[in-house]
Amino acid sequence: MGIDDISTLIGRVSLKDRAAFTALYRPTSPKLFAICVRILRDRTEAEEALQEIYIKIWQRADRYVAGETNPMSWLSAIARNHAIDQLRARKPVANTIDEAYDLADSAPDPEKSAVNAAEGRKIDNCMGELEADRADAVRKAYVEGLTYQELAGHFGVPLNTMRTWLRRSLSKLRECMER
């Protein structure tokens, strides 16, 4: 099934076409399920998440703009964001990017903990060198999983501006981390 076919099905789902919804589910659910399993690392929880994701797709199909975004990217973003929300619900929100990346690592050894803590402090220091709105955008993109489109809307800037913010911010972070 091609991109145009999936895009057309999403358009029909936005009109509450149940047959289109079923036709959309069949080819797209394996990829969305794989995203959930990868993030949640629990098959049962991923199956439950997948059902909730398709409810969101049913409810939000009218927000998809054909031609602006790849339809599989749009569906994948919904799945990724939902799975990240599920993951976050398991544990209090992380205070540092380091902790967010290590949510699944329940019992690291002492040496690894010391290295991670030092790395986390370095990331925090480097994030502090960014402009506040840029640092906030990086956190929302890479910790919370917001899409470029969602970030652009949140910060009230054009989509390409948001892409530039993130690209430049990551470049500055990389330079800082290498010092």
Foldseek 3Di string as FASTA:
>chain_A
DDQVLLLVLLVVLQVVDVVSLVVNCVPQVVVLLVLLCVLQVDNVVSVVLSVVLSVVSSVCSVVDDPPPDRSSVVSNLSSNLSSLVVLCVVDPDDPFPLCLVCSVVDDDDPVVVVVSVVLRVLLVVLLVVDDPLLSVLLCCCRRNNDDLVRSCVVVVHDSVVSVVSPVVSVVSSVVSSVD
